[in-house]
């Protein structure tokens, strides 16, 4: 049976009293009101998510990279061959990828989950614990998943979020890895926002004009099969998404259920988040956008979610890298609200 809206329990709102207390504390800190800009808004959001003021610094930020291949990669929509996905999973596990390096700097740890890498055997039992299938279908000509698989993938994402929160994670970041995955992600965003392919198709990993044309055609064909289904996020994930996107959808929604803040990464993760907020209305209150990638569909998805990026560095790597780069900024927001002296403590008259 395919889950519908209501499959997730009602999403609780972050704590309004803690947010109000944080806003009042910001006014008492030794600085002009508003002088720290968005750091102030971010600190208030963290207080609301944690339900305390002042907020506590993150002790176990966790990145989960959802890996999966996509049949549409065979249509020449990426600058790299599909075999790179499996190689990069091994690179993540060995600690050699960009997200591993950036996470170490930011004070986060990295986990990789094989959802649909096109290999018979996962790299390890832990990495393949929630694997759905070998590669999602070619969305230009067929559904990405079966009805049973899309449910399994969403539930896998929920389970991964629960595993991380239960083991102490206090901040979650979803990352993605999959050659060709910007094609289903762009299709999903276009379907959820009723947008034309030419308005949202980007260059992904750096495709040329011919590759862009092939990518646009694949998205157009996939969108044709999703017509009249824009109100059904599960059907869209089944038809034009994939196991990795469906798992990220479940992951982002379940984090909100568990009252755990999330930093969203780039276009692929934000596509899943857009579906998650449709499936679990209100989940977006527990998220902030780590960055804005160069993909046009990412800007559109962020606008629909009413989220502003913390950093903009023209990144387009995926892996969770942009969100990890934003994490020290979020840590700085927490530190200023928690550790700065108030006017009273510093013996300074507020006037």
C-alpha atoms as a PDB file:
ATOM      1  CA  UNK A   1       0.000   0.000   0.000  1.00  0.00           C
ATOM      2  CA  UNK A   2       1.387   3.406  -0.950  1.00  0.00           C
ATOM      3  CA  UNK A   3       1.558   5.938   1.899  1.00  0.00           C
ATOM      4  CA  UNK A   4      -0.248   9.203   1.377  1.00  0.00           C
ATOM      5  CA  UNK A   5      -0.201  12.552   3.144  1.00  0.00           C
ATOM      6  CA  UNK A   6      -0.793  11.666   6.782  1.00  0.00           C
ATOM      7  CA  UNK A   7       1.639   8.745   6.599  1.00  0.00           C
ATOM      8  CA  UNK A   8       3.849  10.733   8.966  1.00  0.00           C
ATOM      9  CA  UNK A   9       2.417  11.892  12.288  1.00  0.00           C
ATOM     10  CA  UNK A  10       1.609  15.561  12.688  1.00  0.00           C
ATOM     11  CA  UNK A  11       4.822  17.565  12.696  1.00  0.00           C
ATOM     12  CA  UNK A  12       5.323  19.491  15.948  1.00  0.00           C
ATOM     13  CA  UNK A  13       6.370  23.126  15.659  1.00  0.00           C
ATOM     14  CA  UNK A  14       9.658  24.221  17.213  1.00  0.00           C
ATOM     15  CA  UNK A  15       9.255  25.665  20.729  1.00  0.00           C
ATOM     16  CA  UNK A  16       7.797  29.177  20.466  1.00  0.00           C
ATOM     17  CA  UNK A  17       8.580  30.039  24.109  1.00  0.00           C
ATOM     18  CA  UNK A  18      12.254  29.148  23.653  1.00  0.00           C
ATOM     19  CA  UNK A  19      12.317  31.217  20.460  1.00  0.00           C
ATOM     20  CA  UNK A  20      10.839  34.212  22.288  1.00  0.00           C
ATOM     21  CA  UNK A  21      13.349  33.856  25.116  1.00  0.00           C
ATOM     22  CA  UNK A  22      16.191  33.681  22.591  1.00  0.00           C
ATOM     23  CA  UNK A  23      14.941  36.790  20.812  1.00  0.00           C
ATOM     24  CA  UNK A  24      14.820  38.649  24.131  1.00  0.00           C
ATOM     25  CA  UNK A  25      18.321  37.456  25.041  1.00  0.00           C
ATOM     26  CA  UNK A  26      19.611  38.746  21.705  1.00  0.00           C
ATOM     27  CA  UNK A  27      18.396  42.216  22.720  1.00  0.00           C
ATOM     28  CA  UNK A  28      20.386  42.042  25.972  1.00  0.00           C
ATOM     29  CA  UNK A  29      23.712  40.982  24.454  1.00  0.00           C
ATOM     30  CA  UNK A  30      26.556  43.498  24.238  1.00  0.00           C
ATOM     31  CA  UNK A  31      25.929  44.619  20.659  1.00  0.00           C
ATOM     32  CA  UNK A  32      23.455  46.761  18.760  1.00  0.00           C
ATOM     33  CA  UNK A  33      20.203  44.955  18.069  1.00  0.00           C
ATOM     34  CA  UNK A  34      20.446  43.078  14.788  1.00  0.00           C
ATOM     35  CA  UNK A  35      24.182  43.695  14.428  1.00  0.00           C
ATOM     36  CA  UNK A  36      24.941  39.983  13.937  1.00  0.00           C
ATOM     37  CA  UNK A  37      22.484  39.729  11.068  1.00  0.00           C
ATOM     38  CA  UNK A  38      21.358  36.222  10.194  1.00  0.00           C
ATOM     39  CA  UNK A  39      23.410  34.737  13.008  1.00  0.00           C
ATOM     40  CA  UNK A  40      20.724  36.076  15.315  1.00  0.00           C
ATOM     41  CA  UNK A  41      17.893  34.435  13.371  1.00  0.00           C
ATOM     42  CA  UNK A  42      19.795  31.149  13.207  1.00  0.00           C
ATOM     43  CA  UNK A  43      20.475  31.179  16.953  1.00  0.00           C
ATOM     44  CA  UNK A  44      16.796  31.760  17.684  1.00  0.00           C
ATOM     45  CA  UNK A  45      15.897  28.865  15.371  1.00  0.00           C
ATOM     46  CA  UNK A  46      18.315  26.523  17.150  1.00  0.00           C
ATOM     47  CA  UNK A  47      16.876  27.527  20.525  1.00  0.00           C
ATOM     48  CA  UNK A  48      13.391  26.802  19.242  1.00  0.00           C
ATOM     49  CA  UNK A  49      14.444  23.410  17.884  1.00  0.00           C
ATOM     50  CA  UNK A  50      16.194  22.466  21.124  1.00  0.00           C
ATOM     51  CA  UNK A  51      13.490  23.962  23.325  1.00  0.00           C
ATOM     52  CA  UNK A  52      16.040  25.784  25.497  1.00  0.00           C
ATOM     53  CA  UNK A  53      17.600  29.226  25.788  1.00  0.00           C
ATOM     54  CA  UNK A  54      20.478  29.726  25.551  1.00  0.00           C
ATOM     55  CA  UNK A  55      20.969  26.949  22.991  1.00  0.00           C
ATOM     56  CA  UNK A  56      23.482  24.161  23.394  1.00  0.00           C
ATOM     57  CA  UNK A  57      26.376  23.682  20.993  1.00  0.00           C
ATOM     58  CA  UNK A  58      26.044  20.713  18.645  1.00  0.00           C
ATOM     59  CA  UNK A  59      27.936  17.709  19.998  1.00  0.00           C
ATOM     60  CA  UNK A  60      27.106  15.083  17.375  1.00  0.00           C
ATOM     61  CA  UNK A  61      26.372  16.522  13.969  1.00  0.00           C
ATOM     62  CA  UNK A  62      25.938  13.675  11.495  1.00  0.00           C
ATOM     63  CA  UNK A  63      26.104  13.571   7.696  1.00  0.00           C
ATOM     64  CA  UNK A  64      24.368  10.694   5.922  1.00  0.00           C
ATOM     65  CA  UNK A  65      25.266  10.364   2.239  1.00  0.00           C
ATOM     66  CA  UNK A  66      22.526   8.528   0.335  1.00  0.00           C
ATOM     67  CA  UNK A  67      24.045   6.781  -2.699  1.00  0.00           C
ATOM     68  CA  UNK A  68      22.180   5.446  -5.693  1.00  0.00           C
ATOM     69  CA  UNK A  69      22.503   4.961  -9.413  1.00  0.00           C
ATOM     70  CA  UNK A  70      19.882   5.979 -11.969  1.00  0.00           C
ATOM     71  CA  UNK A  71      19.101   4.279 -15.261  1.00  0.00           C
ATOM     72  CA  UNK A  72      18.773   7.642 -16.963  1.00  0.00           C
ATOM     73  CA  UNK A  73      22.550   8.081 -16.641  1.00  0.00           C
ATOM     74  CA  UNK A  74      22.829   5.690 -19.584  1.00  0.00           C
ATOM     75  CA  UNK A  75      21.138   8.316 -21.761  1.00  0.00           C
ATOM     76  CA  UNK A  76      24.196  10.585 -21.603  1.00  0.00           C
ATOM     77  CA  UNK A  77      22.843  13.138 -19.115  1.00  0.00           C
ATOM     78  CA  UNK A  78      26.038  13.281 -17.036  1.00  0.00           C
ATOM     79  CA  UNK A  79      29.662  14.115 -17.721  1.00  0.00           C
ATOM     80  CA  UNK A  80      30.739  10.991 -15.807  1.00  0.00           C
ATOM     81  CA  UNK A  81      30.039   7.250 -16.248  1.00  0.00           C
ATOM     82  CA  UNK A  82      27.752   5.438 -13.783  1.00  0.00           C
ATOM     83  CA  UNK A  83      30.656   3.371 -12.435  1.00  0.00           C
ATOM     84  CA  UNK A  84      31.834   6.445 -10.535  1.00  0.00           C
ATOM     85  CA  UNK A  85      29.026   6.039  -7.980  1.00  0.00           C
ATOM     86  CA  UNK A  86      30.357   2.780  -6.555  1.00  0.00           C
ATOM     87  CA  UNK A  87      33.910   4.124  -6.600  1.00  0.00           C
ATOM     88  CA  UNK A  88      32.825   7.189  -4.650  1.00  0.00           C
ATOM     89  CA  UNK A  89      31.013   5.064  -2.064  1.00  0.00           C
ATOM     90  CA  UNK A  90      34.348   3.381  -1.388  1.00  0.00           C
ATOM     91  CA  UNK A  91      35.992   6.813  -1.246  1.00  0.00           C
ATOM     92  CA  UNK A  92      33.489   8.009   1.376  1.00  0.00           C
ATOM     93  CA  UNK A  93      34.079   4.887   3.432  1.00  0.00           C
ATOM     94  CA  UNK A  94      37.843   5.461   3.248  1.00  0.00           C
ATOM     95  CA  UNK A  95      37.485   9.101   4.304  1.00  0.00           C
ATOM     96  CA  UNK A  96      38.870  10.513   1.079  1.00  0.00           C
ATOM     97  CA  UNK A  97      35.968  12.540  -0.322  1.00  0.00           C
ATOM     98  CA  UNK A  98      35.407  16.270  -0.035  1.00  0.00           C
ATOM     99  CA  UNK A  99      32.591  15.814   2.459  1.00  0.00           C
ATOM    100  CA  UNK A 100      34.861  13.747   4.725  1.00  0.00           C
ATOM    101  CA  UNK A 101      37.464  16.500   4.793  1.00  0.00           C
ATOM    102  CA  UNK A 102      34.929  19.293   5.256  1.00  0.00           C
ATOM    103  CA  UNK A 103      33.034  17.373   7.934  1.00  0.00           C
ATOM    104  CA  UNK A 104      36.211  16.927   9.959  1.00  0.00           C
ATOM    105  CA  UNK A 105      36.792  20.683   9.870  1.00  0.00           C
ATOM    106  CA  UNK A 106      33.174  21.365  10.853  1.00  0.00           C
ATOM    107  CA  UNK A 107      33.049  18.818  13.669  1.00  0.00           C
ATOM    108  CA  UNK A 108      30.692  16.334  12.016  1.00  0.00           C
ATOM    109  CA  UNK A 109      30.896  12.639  11.187  1.00  0.00           C
ATOM    110  CA  UNK A 110      29.947  10.926   7.926  1.00  0.00           C
ATOM    111  CA  UNK A 111      27.952   7.800   7.157  1.00  0.00           C
ATOM    112  CA  UNK A 112      27.234   6.468   3.665  1.00  0.00           C
ATOM    113  CA  UNK A 113      24.130   4.423   2.832  1.00  0.00           C
ATOM    114  CA  UNK A 114      23.857   2.410  -0.394  1.00  0.00           C
ATOM    115  CA  UNK A 115      20.239   2.733  -1.480  1.00  0.00           C
ATOM    116  CA  UNK A 116      20.513   1.758  -5.148  1.00  0.00           C
ATOM    117  CA  UNK A 117      24.145   1.581  -6.262  1.00  0.00           C
ATOM    118  CA  UNK A 118      24.418  -0.580  -9.379  1.00  0.00           C
ATOM    119  CA  UNK A 119      26.410  -3.406  -7.787  1.00  0.00           C
ATOM    120  CA  UNK A 120      25.434  -6.905  -6.707  1.00  0.00           C
ATOM    121  CA  UNK A 121      27.011  -6.626  -3.278  1.00  0.00           C
ATOM    122  CA  UNK A 122      27.211  -3.481  -1.126  1.00  0.00           C
ATOM    123  CA  UNK A 123      30.666  -2.380  -0.009  1.00  0.00           C
ATOM    124  CA  UNK A 124      29.877  -3.592   3.522  1.00  0.00           C
ATOM    125  CA  UNK A 125      26.867  -4.917   5.448  1.00  0.00           C
ATOM    126  CA  UNK A 126      26.540  -1.586   7.298  1.00  0.00           C
ATOM    127  CA  UNK A 127      26.607   0.476   4.119  1.00  0.00           C
ATOM    128  CA  UNK A 128      24.110  -1.828   2.411  1.00  0.00           C
ATOM    129  CA  UNK A 129      21.819  -2.363   5.396  1.00  0.00           C
ATOM    130  CA  UNK A 130      18.930  -0.511   3.758  1.00  0.00           C
ATOM    131  CA  UNK A 131      19.638  -1.146   0.062  1.00  0.00           C
ATOM    132  CA  UNK A 132      16.495  -1.201  -2.090  1.00  0.00           C
ATOM    133  CA  UNK A 133      17.699  -2.376  -5.511  1.00  0.00           C
ATOM    134  CA  UNK A 134      20.434  -2.115  -8.130  1.00  0.00           C
ATOM    135  CA  UNK A 135      19.929   1.266  -9.808  1.00  0.00           C
ATOM    136  CA  UNK A 136      16.606   3.046 -10.069  1.00  0.00           C
ATOM    137  CA  UNK A 137      14.830   2.838 -13.413  1.00  0.00           C
ATOM    138  CA  UNK A 138      15.432   5.123 -16.392  1.00  0.00           C
ATOM    139  CA  UNK A 139      12.803   7.768 -15.731  1.00  0.00           C
ATOM    140  CA  UNK A 140      12.731   8.863 -19.372  1.00  0.00           C
ATOM    141  CA  UNK A 141      11.060   5.598 -20.351  1.00  0.00           C
ATOM    142  CA  UNK A 142       9.965   3.809 -17.164  1.00  0.00           C
ATOM    143  CA  UNK A 143       9.137   4.328 -13.508  1.00  0.00           C
ATOM    144  CA  UNK A 144      12.079   4.732 -11.172  1.00  0.00           C
ATOM    145  CA  UNK A 145      10.607   2.345  -8.602  1.00  0.00           C
ATOM    146  CA  UNK A 146       7.748  -0.072  -8.066  1.00  0.00           C
ATOM    147  CA  UNK A 147       4.967   0.854  -5.616  1.00  0.00           C
ATOM    148  CA  UNK A 148       6.486  -1.488  -3.048  1.00  0.00           C
ATOM    149  CA  UNK A 149       9.995  -0.147  -3.501  1.00  0.00           C
ATOM    150  CA  UNK A 150       9.037   3.485  -3.006  1.00  0.00           C
ATOM    151  CA  UNK A 151       7.418   2.612   0.337  1.00  0.00           C
ATOM    152  CA  UNK A 152      10.461   0.568   1.304  1.00  0.00           C
ATOM    153  CA  UNK A 153      12.788   3.451   0.421  1.00  0.00           C
ATOM    154  CA  UNK A 154      10.809   6.048   2.381  1.00  0.00           C
ATOM    155  CA  UNK A 155      10.715   3.726   5.372  1.00  0.00           C
ATOM    156  CA  UNK A 156      14.462   3.146   5.032  1.00  0.00           C
ATOM    157  CA  UNK A 157      15.071   6.887   5.250  1.00  0.00           C
ATOM    158  CA  UNK A 158      12.864   7.070   8.321  1.00  0.00           C
ATOM    159  CA  UNK A 159      14.758   4.209   9.919  1.00  0.00           C
ATOM    160  CA  UNK A 160      18.134   5.834   9.202  1.00  0.00           C
ATOM    161  CA  UNK A 161      16.974   9.087  10.804  1.00  0.00           C
ATOM    162  CA  UNK A 162      15.760   7.164  13.843  1.00  0.00           C
ATOM    163  CA  UNK A 163      19.056   5.267  14.075  1.00  0.00           C
ATOM    164  CA  UNK A 164      21.028   8.497  14.084  1.00  0.00           C
ATOM    165  CA  UNK A 165      18.816  10.347  16.567  1.00  0.00           C
ATOM    166  CA  UNK A 166      18.673   7.318  18.854  1.00  0.00           C
ATOM    167  CA  UNK A 167      22.481   7.163  18.844  1.00  0.00           C
ATOM    168  CA  UNK A 168      22.746  10.792  19.903  1.00  0.00           C
ATOM    169  CA  UNK A 169      22.757  12.907  16.742  1.00  0.00           C
ATOM    170  CA  UNK A 170      21.648  16.468  17.516  1.00  0.00           C
ATOM    171  CA  UNK A 171      21.919  17.821  13.951  1.00  0.00           C
ATOM    172  CA  UNK A 172      21.430  15.926  10.694  1.00  0.00           C
ATOM    173  CA  UNK A 173      22.692  16.615   7.186  1.00  0.00           C
ATOM    174  CA  UNK A 174      21.617  14.583   4.156  1.00  0.00           C
ATOM    175  CA  UNK A 175      24.079  14.240   1.307  1.00  0.00           C
ATOM    176  CA  UNK A 176      23.745  12.601  -2.093  1.00  0.00           C
ATOM    177  CA  UNK A 177      25.931  10.611  -4.443  1.00  0.00           C
ATOM    178  CA  UNK A 178      24.795   9.216  -7.749  1.00  0.00           C
ATOM    179  CA  UNK A 179      25.843   9.811 -11.340  1.00  0.00           C
ATOM    180  CA  UNK A 180      22.866  11.288 -13.180  1.00  0.00           C
ATOM    181  CA  UNK A 181      20.915  12.076 -10.000  1.00  0.00           C
ATOM    182  CA  UNK A 182      20.353  15.740 -10.879  1.00  0.00           C
ATOM    183  CA  UNK A 183      18.071  14.570 -13.696  1.00  0.00           C
ATOM    184  CA  UNK A 184      15.434  12.896 -11.447  1.00  0.00           C
ATOM    185  CA  UNK A 185      15.902  15.629  -8.826  1.00  0.00           C
ATOM    186  CA  UNK A 186      15.221  18.349 -11.385  1.00  0.00           C
ATOM    187  CA  UNK A 187      12.233  16.406 -12.683  1.00  0.00           C
ATOM    188  CA  UNK A 188      10.849  16.099  -9.166  1.00  0.00           C
ATOM    189  CA  UNK A 189      11.207  19.831  -8.538  1.00  0.00           C
ATOM    190  CA  UNK A 190       9.660  20.681 -11.904  1.00  0.00           C
ATOM    191  CA  UNK A 191       6.699  18.386 -11.182  1.00  0.00           C
ATOM    192  CA  UNK A 192       6.169  19.737  -7.667  1.00  0.00           C
ATOM    193  CA  UNK A 193       6.371  23.365  -8.848  1.00  0.00           C
ATOM    194  CA  UNK A 194       4.663  22.975 -12.252  1.00  0.00           C
ATOM    195  CA  UNK A 195       7.722  24.288 -14.086  1.00  0.00           C
ATOM    196  CA  UNK A 196       8.913  23.787 -17.659  1.00  0.00           C
ATOM    197  CA  UNK A 197      12.104  21.726 -18.173  1.00  0.00           C
ATOM    198  CA  UNK A 198      14.039  24.484 -19.941  1.00  0.00           C
ATOM    199  CA  UNK A 199      13.510  26.766 -16.945  1.00  0.00           C
ATOM    200  CA  UNK A 200      15.036  24.366 -14.422  1.00  0.00           C
ATOM    201  CA  UNK A 201      17.604  22.193 -16.185  1.00  0.00           C
ATOM    202  CA  UNK A 202      21.193  22.902 -15.147  1.00  0.00           C
ATOM    203  CA  UNK A 203      24.600  21.581 -16.113  1.00  0.00           C
ATOM    204  CA  UNK A 204      24.919  19.094 -13.249  1.00  0.00           C
ATOM    205  CA  UNK A 205      28.489  17.802 -13.152  1.00  0.00           C
ATOM    206  CA  UNK A 206      29.453  19.962 -16.120  1.00  0.00           C
ATOM    207  CA  UNK A 207      27.710  18.607 -19.219  1.00  0.00           C
ATOM    208  CA  UNK A 208      28.117  20.256 -22.618  1.00  0.00           C
ATOM    209  CA  UNK A 209      25.312  21.626 -24.797  1.00  0.00           C
ATOM    210  CA  UNK A 210      24.518  18.222 -26.309  1.00  0.00           C
ATOM    211  CA  UNK A 211      24.350  16.674 -22.861  1.00  0.00           C
ATOM    212  CA  UNK A 212      22.109  19.500 -21.673  1.00  0.00           C
ATOM    213  CA  UNK A 213      19.755  18.810 -24.599  1.00  0.00           C
ATOM    214  CA  UNK A 214      19.645  15.092 -23.759  1.00  0.00           C
ATOM    215  CA  UNK A 215      18.993  15.893 -20.109  1.00  0.00           C
ATOM    216  CA  UNK A 216      16.190  18.311 -21.007  1.00  0.00           C
ATOM    217  CA  UNK A 217      14.575  15.704 -23.264  1.00  0.00           C
ATOM    218  CA  UNK A 218      14.747  13.040 -20.547  1.00  0.00           C
ATOM    219  CA  UNK A 219      13.137  15.386 -18.013  1.00  0.00           C
ATOM    220  CA  UNK A 220      10.450  16.376 -20.516  1.00  0.00           C
ATOM    221  CA  UNK A 221       9.580  12.729 -21.157  1.00  0.00           C
ATOM    222  CA  UNK A 222       9.515  11.904 -17.450  1.00  0.00           C
ATOM    223  CA  UNK A 223       7.324  14.916 -16.708  1.00  0.00           C
ATOM    224  CA  UNK A 224       4.836  13.789 -19.333  1.00  0.00           C
ATOM    225  CA  UNK A 225       4.257  10.636 -17.299  1.00  0.00           C
ATOM    226  CA  UNK A 226       3.756  12.638 -14.089  1.00  0.00           C
ATOM    227  CA  UNK A 227       1.058  14.918 -15.466  1.00  0.00           C
ATOM    228  CA  UNK A 228      -1.876  15.410 -13.103  1.00  0.00           C
ATOM    229  CA  UNK A 229       0.130  13.918 -10.208  1.00  0.00           C
ATOM    230  CA  UNK A 230       1.757  17.047  -8.775  1.00  0.00           C
ATOM    231  CA  UNK A 231      -0.307  16.734  -5.577  1.00  0.00           C
ATOM    232  CA  UNK A 232       0.945  13.186  -4.905  1.00  0.00           C
ATOM    233  CA  UNK A 233       4.586  13.258  -3.745  1.00  0.00           C
ATOM    234  CA  UNK A 234       4.741   9.477  -3.381  1.00  0.00           C
ATOM    235  CA  UNK A 235       3.656   8.903  -6.959  1.00  0.00           C
ATOM    236  CA  UNK A 236       6.235  11.423  -8.134  1.00  0.00           C
ATOM    237  CA  UNK A 237       9.014   9.710  -6.187  1.00  0.00           C
ATOM    238  CA  UNK A 238       7.959   6.397  -7.714  1.00  0.00           C
ATOM    239  CA  UNK A 239       7.723   7.644 -11.292  1.00  0.00           C
ATOM    240  CA  UNK A 240      10.478  10.233 -11.598  1.00  0.00           C
ATOM    241  CA  UNK A 241      12.537   9.963  -8.408  1.00  0.00           C
ATOM    242  CA  UNK A 242      14.525   6.995  -7.204  1.00  0.00           C
ATOM    243  CA  UNK A 243      15.440   4.982  -4.138  1.00  0.00           C
ATOM    244  CA  UNK A 244      17.952   7.544  -2.908  1.00  0.00           C
ATOM    245  CA  UNK A 245      15.552  10.470  -3.331  1.00  0.00           C
ATOM    246  CA  UNK A 246      12.708   8.572  -1.633  1.00  0.00           C
ATOM    247  CA  UNK A 247      14.997   7.629   1.258  1.00  0.00           C
ATOM    248  CA  UNK A 248      16.128  11.242   1.680  1.00  0.00           C
ATOM    249  CA  UNK A 249      12.463  12.257   1.705  1.00  0.00           C
ATOM    250  CA  UNK A 250      11.747   9.895   4.564  1.00  0.00           C
ATOM    251  CA  UNK A 251      14.931  10.985   6.338  1.00  0.00           C
ATOM    252  CA  UNK A 252      14.115  14.708   6.234  1.00  0.00           C
ATOM    253  CA  UNK A 253      10.521  14.177   7.321  1.00  0.00           C
ATOM    254  CA  UNK A 254      11.414  11.814  10.157  1.00  0.00           C
ATOM    255  CA  UNK A 255      14.035  14.235  11.472  1.00  0.00           C
ATOM    256  CA  UNK A 256      11.211  16.743  11.927  1.00  0.00           C
ATOM    257  CA  UNK A 257       9.088  14.107  13.649  1.00  0.00           C
ATOM    258  CA  UNK A 258      12.002  13.539  16.021  1.00  0.00           C
ATOM    259  CA  UNK A 259      12.452  17.303  16.609  1.00  0.00           C
ATOM    260  CA  UNK A 260      15.972  17.246  15.214  1.00  0.00           C
ATOM    261  CA  UNK A 261      17.250  20.167  13.117  1.00  0.00           C
ATOM    262  CA  UNK A 262      18.460  19.524   9.583  1.00  0.00           C
ATOM    263  CA  UNK A 263      20.813  21.461   7.332  1.00  0.00           C
ATOM    264  CA  UNK A 264      19.801  20.890   3.734  1.00  0.00           C
ATOM    265  CA  UNK A 265      22.501  20.542   1.110  1.00  0.00           C
ATOM    266  CA  UNK A 266      22.178  21.140  -2.617  1.00  0.00           C
ATOM    267  CA  UNK A 267      19.613  20.605  -5.327  1.00  0.00           C
ATOM    268  CA  UNK A 268      19.209  16.828  -5.012  1.00  0.00           C
ATOM    269  CA  UNK A 269      18.637  16.904  -1.247  1.00  0.00           C
ATOM    270  CA  UNK A 270      16.364  19.938  -1.533  1.00  0.00           C
ATOM    271  CA  UNK A 271      14.259  18.138  -4.158  1.00  0.00           C
ATOM    272  CA  UNK A 272      13.697  15.369  -1.622  1.00  0.00           C
ATOM    273  CA  UNK A 273      12.959  17.955   1.064  1.00  0.00           C
ATOM    274  CA  UNK A 274      10.341  19.562  -1.162  1.00  0.00           C
ATOM    275  CA  UNK A 275       8.627  16.178  -1.449  1.00  0.00           C
ATOM    276  CA  UNK A 276       9.035  15.603   2.302  1.00  0.00           C
ATOM    277  CA  UNK A 277       7.302  18.862   3.174  1.00  0.00           C
ATOM    278  CA  UNK A 278       4.383  17.835   0.963  1.00  0.00           C
ATOM    279  CA  UNK A 279       4.255  14.426   2.620  1.00  0.00           C
ATOM    280  CA  UNK A 280       4.767  15.779   6.149  1.00  0.00           C
ATOM    281  CA  UNK A 281       3.441  19.368   6.128  1.00  0.00           C
ATOM    282  CA  UNK A 282       5.344  21.623   8.490  1.00  0.00           C
ATOM    283  CA  UNK A 283       8.586  19.648   8.349  1.00  0.00           C
ATOM    284  CA  UNK A 284      10.344  22.644   6.790  1.00  0.00           C
ATOM    285  CA  UNK A 285      10.229  24.408  10.179  1.00  0.00           C
ATOM    286  CA  UNK A 286      12.989  22.047  11.312  1.00  0.00           C
ATOM    287  CA  UNK A 287      15.272  22.733   8.353  1.00  0.00           C
ATOM    288  CA  UNK A 288      17.632  25.453   7.207  1.00  0.00           C
ATOM    289  CA  UNK A 289      19.275  25.655   3.803  1.00  0.00           C
ATOM    290  CA  UNK A 290      23.017  25.199   4.086  1.00  0.00           C
ATOM    291  CA  UNK A 291      23.807  26.719   0.711  1.00  0.00           C
ATOM    292  CA  UNK A 292      22.511  27.521  -2.768  1.00  0.00           C
ATOM    293  CA  UNK A 293      24.049  25.569  -5.642  1.00  0.00           C
ATOM    294  CA  UNK A 294      24.437  26.787  -9.205  1.00  0.00           C
ATOM    295  CA  UNK A 295      21.514  24.605 -10.373  1.00  0.00           C
ATOM    296  CA  UNK A 296      18.473  26.741 -11.302  1.00  0.00           C
ATOM    297  CA  UNK A 297      16.069  24.149  -9.881  1.00  0.00           C
ATOM    298  CA  UNK A 298      17.686  24.547  -6.473  1.00  0.00           C
ATOM    299  CA  UNK A 299      16.738  28.218  -6.283  1.00  0.00           C
ATOM    300  CA  UNK A 300      13.174  27.358  -7.255  1.00  0.00           C
ATOM    301  CA  UNK A 301      12.916  24.641  -4.599  1.00  0.00           C
ATOM    302  CA  UNK A 302      14.319  26.934  -1.898  1.00  0.00           C
ATOM    303  CA  UNK A 303      11.807  29.615  -2.837  1.00  0.00           C
ATOM    304  CA  UNK A 304       8.941  27.144  -2.493  1.00  0.00           C
ATOM    305  CA  UNK A 305      10.255  26.025   0.899  1.00  0.00           C
ATOM    306  CA  UNK A 306      10.764  29.689   1.917  1.00  0.00           C
ATOM    307  CA  UNK A 307      14.348  28.972   2.949  1.00  0.00           C
ATOM    308  CA  UNK A 308      17.336  31.266   2.431  1.00  0.00           C
ATOM    309  CA  UNK A 309      20.820  29.769   2.031  1.00  0.00           C
ATOM    310  CA  UNK A 310      23.329  30.335   4.807  1.00  0.00           C
ATOM    311  CA  UNK A 311      26.267  30.457   2.378  1.00  0.00           C
ATOM    312  CA  UNK A 312      26.577  30.962  -1.372  1.00  0.00           C
ATOM    313  CA  UNK A 313      29.904  29.799  -2.759  1.00  0.00           C
ATOM    314  CA  UNK A 314      28.858  28.546  -6.227  1.00  0.00           C
ATOM    315  CA  UNK A 315      29.259  24.944  -5.059  1.00  0.00           C
ATOM    316  CA  UNK A 316      27.634  22.102  -6.988  1.00  0.00           C
ATOM    317  CA  UNK A 317      29.324  18.977  -5.643  1.00  0.00           C
ATOM    318  CA  UNK A 318      26.583  17.389  -3.563  1.00  0.00           C
ATOM    319  CA  UNK A 319      27.665  14.842  -0.922  1.00  0.00           C
ATOM    320  CA  UNK A 320      26.362  17.182   1.799  1.00  0.00           C
ATOM    321  CA  UNK A 321      29.396  19.406   1.212  1.00  0.00           C
ATOM    322  CA  UNK A 322      27.572  22.741   1.029  1.00  0.00           C
ATOM    323  CA  UNK A 323      25.624  22.075   4.207  1.00  0.00           C
ATOM    324  CA  UNK A 324      28.795  21.016   6.017  1.00  0.00           C
ATOM    325  CA  UNK A 325      30.487  24.270   4.978  1.00  0.00           C
ATOM    326  CA  UNK A 326      27.532  26.130   6.529  1.00  0.00           C
ATOM    327  CA  UNK A 327      27.755  24.189   9.799  1.00  0.00           C
ATOM    328  CA  UNK A 328      30.507  26.370  11.358  1.00  0.00           C
ATOM    329  CA  UNK A 329      28.315  29.403  10.689  1.00  0.00           C
ATOM    330  CA  UNK A 330      25.484  27.716  12.562  1.00  0.00           C
ATOM    331  CA  UNK A 331      27.892  26.839  15.364  1.00  0.00           C
ATOM    332  CA  UNK A 332      28.940  30.505  15.509  1.00  0.00           C
ATOM    333  CA  UNK A 333      25.299  31.535  15.833  1.00  0.00           C
ATOM    334  CA  UNK A 334      24.841  29.178  18.781  1.00  0.00           C
ATOM    335  CA  UNK A 335      28.066  30.316  20.440  1.00  0.00           C
ATOM    336  CA  UNK A 336      27.242  34.020  20.260  1.00  0.00           C
ATOM    337  CA  UNK A 337      23.812  33.621  21.809  1.00  0.00           C
ATOM    338  CA  UNK A 338      25.050  31.211  24.478  1.00  0.00           C
ATOM    339  CA  UNK A 339      28.359  32.789  25.441  1.00  0.00           C
ATOM    340  CA  UNK A 340      28.306  36.532  24.808  1.00  0.00           C
ATOM    341  CA  UNK A 341      27.942  38.744  27.865  1.00  0.00           C
ATOM    342  CA  UNK A 342      24.733  40.654  28.415  1.00  0.00           C
ATOM    343  CA  UNK A 343      24.800  44.392  29.080  1.00  0.00           C
ATOM    344  CA  UNK A 344      24.087  43.672  32.736  1.00  0.00           C
ATOM    345  CA  UNK A 345      26.886  41.085  33.028  1.00  0.00           C
ATOM    346  CA  UNK A 346      29.384  43.463  31.383  1.00  0.00           C
ATOM    347  CA  UNK A 347      28.295  46.444  33.468  1.00  0.00           C
ATOM    348  CA  UNK A 348      27.315  48.395  30.382  1.00  0.00           C
ATOM    349  CA  UNK A 349      24.211  50.543  30.336  1.00  0.00           C
ATOM    350  CA  UNK A 350      21.878  49.504  27.526  1.00  0.00           C
ATOM    351  CA  UNK A 351      21.128  53.125  26.693  1.00  0.00           C
END
